[in-house]
Structure formats: structure tokens, C-alpha cells
Amino acid sequence: MILDIGDKCVWCYEDTSFGSGRFVDRIIVSTYPEAVSWMLDEDKDLYELVEGHGCTECYGDING
């Protein structure tokens, strides 16, 4: 099962929608539940993937 979190950042769960200040440079992301820190451990077993967006702050930290 895939968890689609829409306009939230998959890594920090901050809003990346238009008007949030994170919209312009956001990227589309699909990642494994183990890569996110905001999800409860017992919920990570329920999903194969987490889909949403990535904010530039998190993407820079991961790839920096």
C-alpha cells in the first residue's frame, strides 16, 4: 500500500503547497517509510512507499 501525503514534505512533514514558501523549489518524492522520521514505527509496516513532495531544506540536507 502507498501512503500519499499530498503537498507535505515526505521527510519533515512541512507544507510545500502554493503560498507556503516551499512551493517553488519542491520536488516530487517517493521513498520508503523507513526514511521518514515523523511516522510511527508501527505504521511503517503498513506501507510500502510514502509519496509526496520534498522541500529544498530537507533535500539539501540529504544530498548535501
N, C-alpha and C. Protein backbone atom coordinates (compact mmCIF):
# COMPACT_ATOMS: atom_id res chain seq x y z
N MET A 1 0.83 -1.17 0.00
CA MET A 1 0.00 0.00 0.00
C MET A 1 0.89 1.25 0.00
N ILE A 2 0.42 2.31 -0.66
CA ILE A 2 1.18 3.55 -0.77
C ILE A 2 0.47 4.63 0.04
N LEU A 3 1.22 5.36 0.84
CA LEU A 3 0.70 6.49 1.60
C LEU A 3 1.01 7.76 0.83
N ASP A 4 -0.01 8.44 0.31
CA ASP A 4 0.16 9.70 -0.41
C ASP A 4 -0.13 10.84 0.55
N ILE A 5 0.89 11.64 0.85
CA ILE A 5 0.70 12.74 1.80
C ILE A 5 0.53 14.09 1.10
N GLY A 6 0.31 14.06 -0.21
CA GLY A 6 -0.02 15.26 -0.97
C GLY A 6 1.09 16.30 -0.98
N ASP A 7 0.78 17.50 -0.48
CA ASP A 7 1.71 18.62 -0.52
C ASP A 7 2.66 18.68 0.67
N LYS A 8 2.65 17.68 1.51
CA LYS A 8 3.57 17.65 2.65
C LYS A 8 4.94 17.14 2.22
N CYS A 9 5.98 17.61 2.90
CA CYS A 9 7.33 17.10 2.65
C CYS A 9 7.42 15.70 3.25
N VAL A 10 7.92 14.75 2.48
CA VAL A 10 7.98 13.37 2.97
C VAL A 10 8.97 13.22 4.12
N TRP A 11 9.95 14.12 4.22
CA TRP A 11 10.96 13.98 5.26
C TRP A 11 10.63 14.75 6.54
N CYS A 12 10.14 15.99 6.42
CA CYS A 12 9.87 16.80 7.64
C CYS A 12 8.39 17.03 7.89
N TYR A 13 7.54 16.67 6.95
CA TYR A 13 6.09 16.78 7.02
C TYR A 13 5.61 18.24 7.04
N GLU A 14 6.46 19.17 6.60
CA GLU A 14 6.05 20.57 6.48
C GLU A 14 5.28 20.76 5.17
N ASP A 15 4.44 21.77 5.13
CA ASP A 15 3.63 22.08 3.96
C ASP A 15 4.50 22.61 2.82
N THR A 16 4.31 22.09 1.60
CA THR A 16 5.02 22.60 0.43
C THR A 16 4.04 23.13 -0.61
N SER A 17 2.80 23.41 -0.22
CA SER A 17 1.80 23.88 -1.17
C SER A 17 2.04 25.35 -1.53
N PHE A 18 1.35 25.81 -2.56
CA PHE A 18 1.46 27.19 -3.02
C PHE A 18 1.15 28.15 -1.86
N GLY A 19 2.01 29.11 -1.65
CA GLY A 19 1.84 30.07 -0.57
C GLY A 19 2.55 29.68 0.71
N SER A 20 3.15 28.49 0.75
CA SER A 20 3.81 28.03 1.97
C SER A 20 5.25 28.54 2.08
N GLY A 21 5.80 29.04 0.97
CA GLY A 21 7.20 29.44 0.96
C GLY A 21 8.13 28.31 0.55
N ARG A 22 7.58 27.12 0.36
CA ARG A 22 8.38 25.96 -0.04
C ARG A 22 7.92 25.39 -1.39
N PHE A 23 7.03 26.10 -2.07
CA PHE A 23 6.40 25.58 -3.29
C PHE A 23 7.34 25.60 -4.50
N VAL A 24 8.07 26.67 -4.70
CA VAL A 24 8.82 26.89 -5.93
C VAL A 24 9.87 25.81 -6.19
N ASP A 25 10.64 25.45 -5.20
CA ASP A 25 11.74 24.51 -5.40
C ASP A 25 11.45 23.10 -4.92
N ARG A 26 10.19 22.79 -4.65
CA ARG A 26 9.88 21.45 -4.16
C ARG A 26 10.08 20.43 -5.26
N ILE A 27 10.29 19.18 -4.86
CA ILE A 27 10.45 18.09 -5.81
C ILE A 27 9.46 16.99 -5.46
N ILE A 28 9.07 16.20 -6.43
CA ILE A 28 8.18 15.06 -6.20
C ILE A 28 9.04 13.92 -5.66
N VAL A 29 8.56 13.30 -4.58
CA VAL A 29 9.35 12.27 -3.91
C VAL A 29 8.50 11.03 -3.64
N SER A 30 9.13 9.90 -3.83
CA SER A 30 8.58 8.61 -3.43
C SER A 30 9.70 7.90 -2.67
N THR A 31 9.45 7.57 -1.42
CA THR A 31 10.51 6.99 -0.59
C THR A 31 9.94 5.89 0.29
N TYR A 32 10.82 5.18 0.92
CA TYR A 32 10.42 4.10 1.83
C TYR A 32 10.04 4.66 3.20
N PRO A 33 9.09 4.06 3.89
CA PRO A 33 8.68 4.54 5.20
C PRO A 33 9.84 4.62 6.21
N GLU A 34 10.83 3.78 6.06
CA GLU A 34 11.97 3.80 6.98
C GLU A 34 12.77 5.09 6.87
N ALA A 35 12.61 5.83 5.77
CA ALA A 35 13.37 7.06 5.53
C ALA A 35 12.75 8.29 6.18
N VAL A 36 11.53 8.14 6.72
CA VAL A 36 10.86 9.29 7.32
C VAL A 36 10.86 9.17 8.84
N SER A 37 11.03 10.30 9.52
CA SER A 37 11.13 10.26 10.98
C SER A 37 9.81 10.58 11.67
N TRP A 38 8.87 11.21 10.99
CA TRP A 38 7.62 11.63 11.61
C TRP A 38 6.59 10.49 11.74
N MET A 39 6.80 9.40 11.02
CA MET A 39 5.84 8.29 11.05
C MET A 39 6.15 7.34 12.21
N LEU A 40 5.10 6.90 12.89
CA LEU A 40 5.27 5.95 13.98
C LEU A 40 5.81 4.62 13.45
N ASP A 41 6.66 3.97 14.23
CA ASP A 41 7.28 2.71 13.80
C ASP A 41 6.24 1.65 13.47
N GLU A 42 5.17 1.57 14.24
CA GLU A 42 4.16 0.55 13.97
C GLU A 42 3.39 0.83 12.68
N ASP A 43 3.35 2.10 12.23
CA ASP A 43 2.68 2.44 10.97
C ASP A 43 3.57 2.18 9.76
N LYS A 44 4.87 2.16 9.95
CA LYS A 44 5.80 1.95 8.84
C LYS A 44 5.62 0.59 8.20
N ASP A 45 5.16 -0.39 8.96
CA ASP A 45 4.93 -1.74 8.43
C ASP A 45 3.69 -1.81 7.54
N LEU A 46 2.83 -0.81 7.62
CA LEU A 46 1.59 -0.82 6.85
C LEU A 46 1.76 -0.37 5.41
N TYR A 47 2.85 0.35 5.12
CA TYR A 47 3.03 0.95 3.80
C TYR A 47 4.33 0.51 3.14
N GLU A 48 4.28 0.39 1.82
CA GLU A 48 5.48 0.08 1.04
C GLU A 48 6.23 1.35 0.67
N LEU A 49 5.47 2.42 0.37
CA LEU A 49 6.05 3.69 -0.05
C LEU A 49 5.31 4.86 0.58
N VAL A 50 6.02 5.98 0.70
CA VAL A 50 5.42 7.25 1.09
C VAL A 50 5.65 8.20 -0.07
N GLU A 51 4.58 8.79 -0.60
CA GLU A 51 4.68 9.71 -1.72
C GLU A 51 4.20 11.08 -1.32
N GLY A 52 4.87 12.08 -1.85
CA GLY A 52 4.52 13.46 -1.59
C GLY A 52 5.53 14.35 -2.28
N HIS A 53 5.99 15.35 -1.57
CA HIS A 53 6.99 16.27 -2.10
C HIS A 53 8.14 16.38 -1.12
N GLY A 54 9.23 16.95 -1.58
CA GLY A 54 10.38 17.20 -0.72
C GLY A 54 10.71 18.68 -0.76
N CYS A 55 10.87 19.29 0.40
CA CYS A 55 11.25 20.70 0.44
C CYS A 55 12.76 20.81 0.22
N THR A 56 13.19 21.97 -0.22
CA THR A 56 14.61 22.14 -0.55
C THR A 56 15.49 22.03 0.69
N GLU A 57 14.97 22.41 1.85
CA GLU A 57 15.77 22.30 3.07
C GLU A 57 16.14 20.84 3.35
N CYS A 58 15.16 19.97 3.27
CA CYS A 58 15.41 18.55 3.52
C CYS A 58 16.21 17.92 2.40
N TYR A 59 15.89 18.24 1.17
CA TYR A 59 16.60 17.67 0.04
C TYR A 59 18.08 18.07 0.08
N GLY A 60 18.35 19.31 0.47
CA GLY A 60 19.74 19.77 0.60
C GLY A 60 20.47 19.04 1.72
N ASP A 61 19.78 18.78 2.83
CA ASP A 61 20.39 18.06 3.94
C ASP A 61 20.73 16.62 3.56
N ILE A 62 19.86 15.99 2.80
CA ILE A 62 20.04 14.59 2.43
C ILE A 62 21.14 14.44 1.37
N ASN A 63 21.17 15.36 0.42
CA ASN A 63 22.12 15.26 -0.70
C ASN A 63 23.33 16.18 -0.55
N GLY A 64 23.39 16.94 0.54
CA GLY A 64 24.43 17.93 0.74
C GLY A 64 25.72 17.35 1.03
